[in-house]
Amino acid sequence: MSIEKKFVTAEELASLSMADAHILEYQGSGGARGHFWDFTPVGGYPYTPCLLLETFGAKSGERRLAPLIYGVTDGSFVIVASKGGAPNHPGWYHNIRAAGEITVQIATQAFATEWSEPQGADRDRIWEVMADLYPPYREYQKGTDRTIPIIVLKPLREVEILAL
């Protein structure tokens, strides 16, 4: 499939992973589609808000995109490094920790953000907000020995939407 294409066929979409299909839907529409995603097949809710997170490999420097559920608290965006409850953190989490500013796209807008990782009571408060937004997070935490990180992304300025 050509990277210049703006739309994908149903057959192309069906052959992709759920994350890749989500990214293509989001980017191919300029953010008009993909902002809300149906997570009912995996225990979530329909119309769950998702952003696109852009990072660069901490070792490789390669650009990476990840569609992630997000919430909003205290004027910032919040994402959860759950990796489905896997024993290790997702790659994007390591990439964020090695970066300064992070770019996210939410629907048809993109923002440069600064990140922080809340701890203690602040983390617990935000965790409850995110677990209410996507209930499987609670099961993910029960199934792993690691504390699943919460990342807060404070918008700094609007930037161009993420290109394919």
N, C-alpha and C. Protein backbone atom coordinates (compact mmCIF):
# COMPACT_ATOMS: atom_id res chain seq x y z
N MET A 1 0.84 -1.17 0.00
CA MET A 1 0.00 0.00 0.00
C MET A 1 0.89 1.24 0.00
N SER A 2 0.59 2.17 -0.83
CA SER A 2 1.38 3.40 -0.95
C SER A 2 1.12 4.32 0.24
N ILE A 3 2.18 4.91 0.74
CA ILE A 3 2.04 5.81 1.88
C ILE A 3 1.35 7.11 1.49
N GLU A 4 1.34 7.44 0.18
CA GLU A 4 0.71 8.67 -0.28
C GLU A 4 -0.81 8.57 -0.29
N LYS A 5 -1.36 7.36 -0.23
CA LYS A 5 -2.81 7.20 -0.28
C LYS A 5 -3.48 7.88 0.91
N LYS A 6 -4.61 8.51 0.66
CA LYS A 6 -5.35 9.15 1.74
C LYS A 6 -6.47 8.26 2.27
N PHE A 7 -6.87 7.27 1.47
CA PHE A 7 -7.95 6.38 1.88
C PHE A 7 -7.52 4.94 1.64
N VAL A 8 -7.99 4.04 2.47
CA VAL A 8 -7.66 2.63 2.29
C VAL A 8 -8.94 1.87 1.97
N THR A 9 -8.77 0.78 1.25
CA THR A 9 -9.92 -0.05 0.93
C THR A 9 -10.27 -0.89 2.15
N ALA A 10 -11.47 -1.46 2.15
CA ALA A 10 -11.90 -2.33 3.25
C ALA A 10 -10.98 -3.54 3.35
N GLU A 11 -10.52 -4.06 2.23
CA GLU A 11 -9.63 -5.22 2.24
C GLU A 11 -8.28 -4.87 2.86
N GLU A 12 -7.74 -3.69 2.52
CA GLU A 12 -6.48 -3.25 3.11
C GLU A 12 -6.62 -3.05 4.61
N LEU A 13 -7.71 -2.44 5.02
CA LEU A 13 -7.96 -2.18 6.43
C LEU A 13 -8.05 -3.49 7.21
N ALA A 14 -8.71 -4.49 6.62
CA ALA A 14 -8.90 -5.78 7.30
C ALA A 14 -7.58 -6.52 7.49
N SER A 15 -6.59 -6.24 6.65
CA SER A 15 -5.32 -6.97 6.74
C SER A 15 -4.36 -6.37 7.75
N LEU A 16 -4.70 -5.24 8.34
CA LEU A 16 -3.82 -4.56 9.28
C LEU A 16 -4.13 -4.95 10.72
N SER A 17 -3.15 -4.70 11.61
CA SER A 17 -3.42 -4.86 13.03
C SER A 17 -4.42 -3.80 13.44
N MET A 18 -5.08 -3.99 14.58
CA MET A 18 -6.06 -3.01 15.04
C MET A 18 -5.40 -1.63 15.21
N ALA A 19 -4.19 -1.59 15.76
CA ALA A 19 -3.51 -0.31 15.96
C ALA A 19 -3.16 0.34 14.63
N ASP A 20 -2.64 -0.43 13.67
CA ASP A 20 -2.29 0.14 12.37
C ASP A 20 -3.53 0.63 11.64
N ALA A 21 -4.61 -0.14 11.73
CA ALA A 21 -5.86 0.28 11.09
C ALA A 21 -6.37 1.58 11.72
N HIS A 22 -6.24 1.67 13.02
CA HIS A 22 -6.69 2.87 13.73
C HIS A 22 -5.87 4.09 13.29
N ILE A 23 -4.56 3.92 13.21
CA ILE A 23 -3.69 5.02 12.77
C ILE A 23 -4.06 5.47 11.36
N LEU A 24 -4.24 4.51 10.45
CA LEU A 24 -4.59 4.87 9.07
C LEU A 24 -5.94 5.57 8.99
N GLU A 25 -6.90 5.09 9.76
CA GLU A 25 -8.22 5.73 9.77
C GLU A 25 -8.11 7.17 10.28
N TYR A 26 -7.35 7.34 11.35
CA TYR A 26 -7.16 8.66 11.97
C TYR A 26 -6.46 9.60 10.99
N GLN A 27 -5.30 9.18 10.52
CA GLN A 27 -4.50 10.05 9.66
C GLN A 27 -5.10 10.23 8.27
N GLY A 28 -5.65 9.16 7.73
CA GLY A 28 -6.21 9.24 6.39
C GLY A 28 -7.38 10.20 6.29
N SER A 29 -8.03 10.46 7.42
CA SER A 29 -9.17 11.37 7.44
C SER A 29 -8.79 12.75 8.00
N GLY A 30 -7.51 12.94 8.29
CA GLY A 30 -7.09 14.21 8.90
C GLY A 30 -7.60 14.37 10.32
N GLY A 31 -8.03 13.27 10.93
CA GLY A 31 -8.54 13.30 12.30
C GLY A 31 -10.05 13.36 12.39
N ALA A 32 -10.72 13.41 11.22
CA ALA A 32 -12.19 13.46 11.23
C ALA A 32 -12.77 12.12 11.71
N ARG A 33 -12.05 11.03 11.47
CA ARG A 33 -12.46 9.70 11.95
C ARG A 33 -11.31 9.13 12.78
N GLY A 34 -11.63 8.31 13.75
CA GLY A 34 -10.61 7.69 14.57
C GLY A 34 -10.46 8.31 15.95
N HIS A 35 -10.99 9.51 16.13
CA HIS A 35 -10.90 10.15 17.44
C HIS A 35 -11.70 9.36 18.48
N PHE A 36 -12.86 8.87 18.08
CA PHE A 36 -13.63 7.99 18.95
C PHE A 36 -13.56 6.58 18.37
N TRP A 37 -13.32 5.61 19.24
CA TRP A 37 -13.14 4.23 18.80
C TRP A 37 -14.01 3.33 19.66
N ASP A 38 -14.53 2.29 19.07
CA ASP A 38 -15.41 1.35 19.78
C ASP A 38 -14.59 0.26 20.44
N PHE A 39 -14.52 0.29 21.76
CA PHE A 39 -13.77 -0.70 22.51
C PHE A 39 -14.68 -1.74 23.18
N THR A 40 -15.96 -1.79 22.79
CA THR A 40 -16.86 -2.78 23.40
C THR A 40 -16.40 -4.22 23.19
N PRO A 41 -15.77 -4.58 22.04
CA PRO A 41 -15.32 -5.97 21.89
C PRO A 41 -14.29 -6.42 22.93
N VAL A 42 -13.60 -5.47 23.56
CA VAL A 42 -12.57 -5.82 24.55
C VAL A 42 -12.92 -5.31 25.95
N GLY A 43 -14.20 -5.05 26.20
CA GLY A 43 -14.65 -4.68 27.53
C GLY A 43 -14.74 -3.20 27.81
N GLY A 44 -14.47 -2.37 26.81
CA GLY A 44 -14.56 -0.93 27.00
C GLY A 44 -15.91 -0.40 26.54
N TYR A 45 -15.93 0.87 26.24
CA TYR A 45 -17.15 1.54 25.83
C TYR A 45 -17.07 1.94 24.35
N PRO A 46 -18.25 2.10 23.74
CA PRO A 46 -18.22 2.70 22.40
C PRO A 46 -17.89 4.19 22.56
N TYR A 47 -17.39 4.78 21.53
CA TYR A 47 -17.07 6.22 21.53
C TYR A 47 -16.04 6.58 22.60
N THR A 48 -15.03 5.75 22.73
CA THR A 48 -13.94 6.03 23.66
C THR A 48 -12.96 6.99 22.97
N PRO A 49 -12.59 8.10 23.63
CA PRO A 49 -11.71 9.06 22.98
C PRO A 49 -10.28 8.54 22.85
N CYS A 50 -9.70 8.75 21.66
CA CYS A 50 -8.33 8.31 21.39
C CYS A 50 -7.54 9.45 20.74
N LEU A 51 -6.29 9.50 21.08
CA LEU A 51 -5.37 10.44 20.45
C LEU A 51 -4.31 9.65 19.69
N LEU A 52 -3.57 10.34 18.85
CA LEU A 52 -2.38 9.77 18.24
C LEU A 52 -1.17 10.37 18.94
N LEU A 53 -0.30 9.50 19.41
CA LEU A 53 0.92 9.91 20.10
C LEU A 53 2.09 9.72 19.14
N GLU A 54 2.87 10.77 18.95
CA GLU A 54 4.07 10.68 18.12
C GLU A 54 5.29 10.68 19.03
N THR A 55 6.11 9.65 18.90
CA THR A 55 7.38 9.60 19.61
C THR A 55 8.47 9.23 18.61
N PHE A 56 9.69 9.31 19.06
CA PHE A 56 10.83 8.89 18.27
C PHE A 56 11.62 7.90 19.10
N GLY A 57 12.01 6.79 18.47
CA GLY A 57 12.71 5.73 19.19
C GLY A 57 13.89 6.26 19.98
N ALA A 58 13.95 5.90 21.25
CA ALA A 58 15.03 6.37 22.12
C ALA A 58 16.39 5.90 21.61
N LYS A 59 16.44 4.73 21.00
CA LYS A 59 17.69 4.20 20.47
C LYS A 59 17.78 4.41 18.96
N SER A 60 16.70 4.12 18.24
CA SER A 60 16.73 4.16 16.77
C SER A 60 16.51 5.54 16.19
N GLY A 61 15.79 6.39 16.91
CA GLY A 61 15.43 7.70 16.38
C GLY A 61 14.29 7.64 15.38
N GLU A 62 13.74 6.45 15.13
CA GLU A 62 12.65 6.29 14.17
C GLU A 62 11.34 6.82 14.73
N ARG A 63 10.57 7.43 13.84
CA ARG A 63 9.26 7.97 14.22
C ARG A 63 8.30 6.82 14.51
N ARG A 64 7.54 6.98 15.58
CA ARG A 64 6.55 5.98 15.98
C ARG A 64 5.22 6.70 16.26
N LEU A 65 4.14 6.07 15.86
CA LEU A 65 2.80 6.57 16.17
C LEU A 65 2.05 5.51 16.95
N ALA A 66 1.29 5.94 17.92
CA ALA A 66 0.48 5.00 18.71
C ALA A 66 -0.89 5.64 18.96
N PRO A 67 -1.97 4.90 18.62
CA PRO A 67 -3.30 5.38 19.00
C PRO A 67 -3.56 4.96 20.43
N LEU A 68 -3.90 5.91 21.28
CA LEU A 68 -4.08 5.63 22.71
C LEU A 68 -5.35 6.27 23.24
N ILE A 69 -5.99 5.57 24.15
CA ILE A 69 -7.12 6.14 24.88
C ILE A 69 -6.58 7.30 25.71
N TYR A 70 -7.36 8.38 25.77
CA TYR A 70 -6.93 9.49 26.60
C TYR A 70 -8.10 10.04 27.41
N GLY A 71 -7.75 10.65 28.50
CA GLY A 71 -8.70 11.38 29.32
C GLY A 71 -8.18 12.80 29.48
N VAL A 72 -8.97 13.62 30.13
CA VAL A 72 -8.56 15.01 30.39
C VAL A 72 -8.77 15.26 31.88
N THR A 73 -7.74 15.80 32.50
CA THR A 73 -7.85 16.18 33.90
C THR A 73 -6.97 17.41 34.13
N ASP A 74 -7.51 18.35 34.86
CA ASP A 74 -6.77 19.57 35.21
C ASP A 74 -6.22 20.29 33.98
N GLY A 75 -6.94 20.25 32.86
CA GLY A 75 -6.53 20.94 31.66
C GLY A 75 -5.45 20.25 30.84
N SER A 76 -5.11 19.02 31.20
CA SER A 76 -4.09 18.25 30.48
C SER A 76 -4.67 16.94 29.99
N PHE A 77 -4.02 16.36 29.00
CA PHE A 77 -4.39 15.06 28.48
C PHE A 77 -3.67 13.98 29.29
N VAL A 78 -4.34 12.84 29.46
CA VAL A 78 -3.76 11.76 30.25
C VAL A 78 -3.80 10.47 29.44
N ILE A 79 -2.68 9.75 29.42
CA ILE A 79 -2.60 8.44 28.78
C ILE A 79 -2.06 7.43 29.77
N VAL A 80 -2.30 6.16 29.49
CA VAL A 80 -1.93 5.08 30.41
C VAL A 80 -1.02 4.10 29.69
N ALA A 81 0.12 3.79 30.27
CA ALA A 81 1.10 2.88 29.67
C ALA A 81 0.80 1.44 30.09
N SER A 82 -0.38 0.96 29.71
CA SER A 82 -0.83 -0.35 30.20
C SER A 82 -0.25 -1.54 29.43
N LYS A 83 -0.11 -1.40 28.13
CA LYS A 83 0.32 -2.49 27.26
C LYS A 83 -0.50 -3.75 27.53
N GLY A 84 -1.80 -3.54 27.79
CA GLY A 84 -2.70 -4.67 28.01
C GLY A 84 -2.37 -5.49 29.25
N GLY A 85 -1.64 -4.90 30.19
CA GLY A 85 -1.27 -5.62 31.41
C GLY A 85 -0.03 -6.48 31.26
N ALA A 86 0.72 -6.28 30.18
CA ALA A 86 1.96 -7.04 29.97
C ALA A 86 2.96 -6.76 31.10
N PRO A 87 3.92 -7.65 31.29
CA PRO A 87 4.89 -7.45 32.38
C PRO A 87 5.87 -6.30 32.15
N ASN A 88 5.97 -5.81 30.91
CA ASN A 88 6.90 -4.72 30.62
C ASN A 88 6.14 -3.52 30.05
N HIS A 89 6.75 -2.35 30.14
CA HIS A 89 6.14 -1.11 29.66
C HIS A 89 6.13 -1.09 28.13
N PRO A 90 5.18 -0.36 27.54
CA PRO A 90 5.17 -0.22 26.08
C PRO A 90 6.37 0.60 25.61
N GLY A 91 6.79 0.37 24.37
CA GLY A 91 7.92 1.09 23.81
C GLY A 91 7.74 2.59 23.84
N TRP A 92 6.52 3.06 23.59
CA TRP A 92 6.29 4.51 23.57
C TRP A 92 6.60 5.14 24.92
N TYR A 93 6.40 4.39 26.00
CA TYR A 93 6.68 4.93 27.34
C TYR A 93 8.18 5.23 27.48
N HIS A 94 9.01 4.31 27.02
CA HIS A 94 10.47 4.53 27.08
C HIS A 94 10.87 5.70 26.18
N ASN A 95 10.20 5.82 25.03
CA ASN A 95 10.50 6.93 24.12
C ASN A 95 10.13 8.28 24.73
N ILE A 96 9.01 8.34 25.42
CA ILE A 96 8.61 9.58 26.09
C ILE A 96 9.63 9.96 27.15
N ARG A 97 10.07 9.00 27.93
CA ARG A 97 11.01 9.28 29.01
C ARG A 97 12.34 9.82 28.50
N ALA A 98 12.65 9.52 27.24
CA ALA A 98 13.89 10.00 26.63
C ALA A 98 13.71 11.31 25.88
N ALA A 99 12.48 11.84 25.87
CA ALA A 99 12.18 13.03 25.07
C ALA A 99 11.86 14.23 25.94
N GLY A 100 11.85 15.37 25.31
CA GLY A 100 11.39 16.60 25.96
C GLY A 100 9.93 16.79 25.64
N GLU A 101 9.66 17.47 24.53
CA GLU A 101 8.29 17.68 24.07
C GLU A 101 7.79 16.46 23.31
N ILE A 102 6.49 16.23 23.42
CA ILE A 102 5.81 15.14 22.72
C ILE A 102 4.66 15.75 21.93
N THR A 103 4.45 15.25 20.71
CA THR A 103 3.33 15.74 19.90
C THR A 103 2.19 14.74 19.96
N VAL A 104 0.98 15.26 20.12
CA VAL A 104 -0.23 14.44 20.08
C VAL A 104 -1.22 15.08 19.13
N GLN A 105 -2.02 14.22 18.49
CA GLN A 105 -3.12 14.71 17.68
C GLN A 105 -4.41 14.24 18.31
N ILE A 106 -5.34 15.18 18.48
CA ILE A 106 -6.66 14.88 19.01
C ILE A 106 -7.66 15.39 18.00
N ALA A 107 -8.34 14.44 17.36
CA ALA A 107 -9.26 14.75 16.26
C ALA A 107 -8.50 15.54 15.21
N THR A 108 -8.92 16.75 14.89
CA THR A 108 -8.31 17.52 13.81
C THR A 108 -7.33 18.57 14.32
N GLN A 109 -6.88 18.44 15.57
CA GLN A 109 -5.90 19.37 16.13
C GLN A 109 -4.72 18.59 16.68
N ALA A 110 -3.54 19.21 16.61
CA ALA A 110 -2.33 18.60 17.18
C ALA A 110 -1.65 19.61 18.09
N PHE A 111 -0.97 19.08 19.09
CA PHE A 111 -0.35 19.92 20.10
C PHE A 111 1.04 19.41 20.46
N ALA A 112 1.96 20.33 20.65
CA ALA A 112 3.22 20.01 21.31
C ALA A 112 2.89 20.01 22.80
N THR A 113 3.37 19.01 23.51
CA THR A 113 3.07 18.90 24.93
C THR A 113 4.34 18.62 25.72
N GLU A 114 4.28 18.94 27.00
CA GLU A 114 5.33 18.50 27.92
C GLU A 114 4.71 17.41 28.79
N TRP A 115 5.51 16.43 29.14
CA TRP A 115 4.96 15.29 29.88
C TRP A 115 5.43 15.31 31.33
N SER A 116 4.62 14.67 32.15
CA SER A 116 5.00 14.41 33.53
C SER A 116 4.37 13.08 33.94
N GLU A 117 4.91 12.51 34.98
CA GLU A 117 4.41 11.22 35.48
C GLU A 117 4.01 11.40 36.95
N PRO A 118 2.70 11.54 37.20
CA PRO A 118 2.27 11.77 38.58
C PRO A 118 2.57 10.57 39.47
N GLN A 119 2.74 10.86 40.74
CA GLN A 119 3.05 9.83 41.73
C GLN A 119 2.09 9.96 42.91
N GLY A 120 2.06 8.95 43.75
CA GLY A 120 1.32 9.00 45.00
C GLY A 120 -0.17 9.25 44.83
N ALA A 121 -0.71 10.12 45.68
CA ALA A 121 -2.15 10.39 45.69
C ALA A 121 -2.62 11.01 44.37
N ASP A 122 -1.78 11.83 43.74
CA ASP A 122 -2.14 12.43 42.47
C ASP A 122 -2.30 11.35 41.40
N ARG A 123 -1.36 10.40 41.37
CA ARG A 123 -1.45 9.29 40.43
C ARG A 123 -2.70 8.47 40.70
N ASP A 124 -2.97 8.18 41.96
CA ASP A 124 -4.14 7.37 42.31
C ASP A 124 -5.44 8.05 41.87
N ARG A 125 -5.52 9.35 42.04
CA ARG A 125 -6.72 10.10 41.64
C ARG A 125 -6.91 10.02 40.12
N ILE A 126 -5.83 10.23 39.39
CA ILE A 126 -5.91 10.20 37.92
C ILE A 126 -6.16 8.77 37.44
N TRP A 127 -5.57 7.79 38.10
CA TRP A 127 -5.81 6.39 37.74
C TRP A 127 -7.31 6.08 37.78
N GLU A 128 -8.00 6.53 38.80
CA GLU A 128 -9.44 6.26 38.92
C GLU A 128 -10.22 6.88 37.77
N VAL A 129 -9.84 8.08 37.37
CA VAL A 129 -10.49 8.73 36.22
C VAL A 129 -10.30 7.88 34.98
N MET A 130 -9.08 7.41 34.75
CA MET A 130 -8.79 6.64 33.55
C MET A 130 -9.42 5.24 33.60
N ALA A 131 -9.45 4.63 34.77
CA ALA A 131 -10.07 3.30 34.91
C ALA A 131 -11.58 3.39 34.74
N ASP A 132 -12.18 4.50 35.10
CA ASP A 132 -13.61 4.69 34.83
C ASP A 132 -13.86 4.88 33.34
N LEU A 133 -12.93 5.54 32.65
CA LEU A 133 -13.04 5.75 31.21
C LEU A 133 -12.88 4.43 30.45
N TYR A 134 -11.96 3.57 30.92
CA TYR A 134 -11.69 2.29 30.26
C TYR A 134 -11.52 1.22 31.35
N PRO A 135 -12.61 0.56 31.76
CA PRO A 135 -12.57 -0.39 32.88
C PRO A 135 -11.54 -1.53 32.77
N PRO A 136 -11.18 -2.02 31.59
CA PRO A 136 -10.16 -3.07 31.54
C PRO A 136 -8.82 -2.69 32.18
N TYR A 137 -8.54 -1.40 32.34
CA TYR A 137 -7.29 -1.01 33.00
C TYR A 137 -7.18 -1.65 34.38
N ARG A 138 -8.28 -1.79 35.10
CA ARG A 138 -8.24 -2.38 36.44
C ARG A 138 -7.77 -3.84 36.38
N GLU A 139 -8.28 -4.59 35.41
CA GLU A 139 -7.86 -5.98 35.25
C GLU A 139 -6.41 -6.06 34.81
N TYR A 140 -5.99 -5.14 33.95
CA TYR A 140 -4.59 -5.12 33.53
C TYR A 140 -3.67 -4.95 34.74
N GLN A 141 -4.05 -4.02 35.65
CA GLN A 141 -3.20 -3.79 36.82
C GLN A 141 -3.16 -5.01 37.72
N LYS A 142 -4.31 -5.69 37.88
CA LYS A 142 -4.33 -6.90 38.71
C LYS A 142 -3.47 -8.01 38.12
N GLY A 143 -3.31 -8.02 36.81
CA GLY A 143 -2.59 -9.10 36.14
C GLY A 143 -1.10 -8.88 35.95
N THR A 144 -0.55 -7.79 36.47
CA THR A 144 0.87 -7.53 36.32
C THR A 144 1.48 -7.09 37.64
N ASP A 145 2.77 -7.36 37.81
CA ASP A 145 3.47 -6.95 39.02
C ASP A 145 3.94 -5.50 38.97
N ARG A 146 4.01 -4.94 37.76
CA ARG A 146 4.49 -3.56 37.64
C ARG A 146 3.35 -2.58 37.94
N THR A 147 3.69 -1.41 38.41
CA THR A 147 2.71 -0.34 38.54
C THR A 147 2.57 0.28 37.16
N ILE A 148 1.37 0.28 36.61
CA ILE A 148 1.15 0.82 35.28
C ILE A 148 1.29 2.34 35.33
N PRO A 149 2.20 2.88 34.53
CA PRO A 149 2.43 4.33 34.56
C PRO A 149 1.28 5.14 33.96
N ILE A 150 1.11 6.32 34.52
CA ILE A 150 0.19 7.33 34.02
C ILE A 150 1.05 8.47 33.49
N ILE A 151 0.73 8.96 32.31
CA ILE A 151 1.47 10.09 31.73
C ILE A 151 0.50 11.25 31.52
N VAL A 152 0.87 12.41 32.03
CA VAL A 152 0.08 13.63 31.85
C VAL A 152 0.80 14.47 30.79
N LEU A 153 0.03 14.91 29.79
CA LEU A 153 0.57 15.68 28.68
C LEU A 153 -0.05 17.09 28.71
N LYS A 154 0.75 18.06 29.08
CA LYS A 154 0.27 19.45 29.19
C LYS A 154 0.49 20.14 27.85
N PRO A 155 -0.61 20.62 27.21
CA PRO A 155 -0.45 21.29 25.92
C PRO A 155 0.35 22.59 26.05
N LEU A 156 1.29 22.77 25.12
CA LEU A 156 2.11 23.98 25.10
C LEU A 156 1.68 24.93 23.98
N ARG A 157 1.43 24.34 22.79
CA ARG A 157 1.04 25.14 21.64
C ARG A 157 0.46 24.21 20.58
N GLU A 158 -0.35 24.78 19.71
CA GLU A 158 -0.91 24.00 18.61
C GLU A 158 0.15 23.87 17.52
N VAL A 159 0.19 22.69 16.85
CA VAL A 159 1.13 22.42 15.77
C VAL A 159 0.36 21.79 14.60
N GLU A 160 1.04 21.54 13.51
CA GLU A 160 0.42 20.89 12.35
C GLU A 160 -0.01 19.48 12.72
N ILE A 161 -1.13 19.00 12.12
CA ILE A 161 -1.56 17.64 12.39
C ILE A 161 -0.51 16.67 11.87
N LEU A 162 -0.51 15.47 12.41
CA LEU A 162 0.48 14.46 12.09
C LEU A 162 0.23 13.91 10.70
N ALA A 163 1.25 13.95 9.85
CA ALA A 163 1.13 13.46 8.48
C ALA A 163 1.41 11.96 8.42
N LEU A 164 0.91 11.35 7.35
CA LEU A 164 1.17 9.92 7.13
C LEU A 164 2.64 9.67 6.98
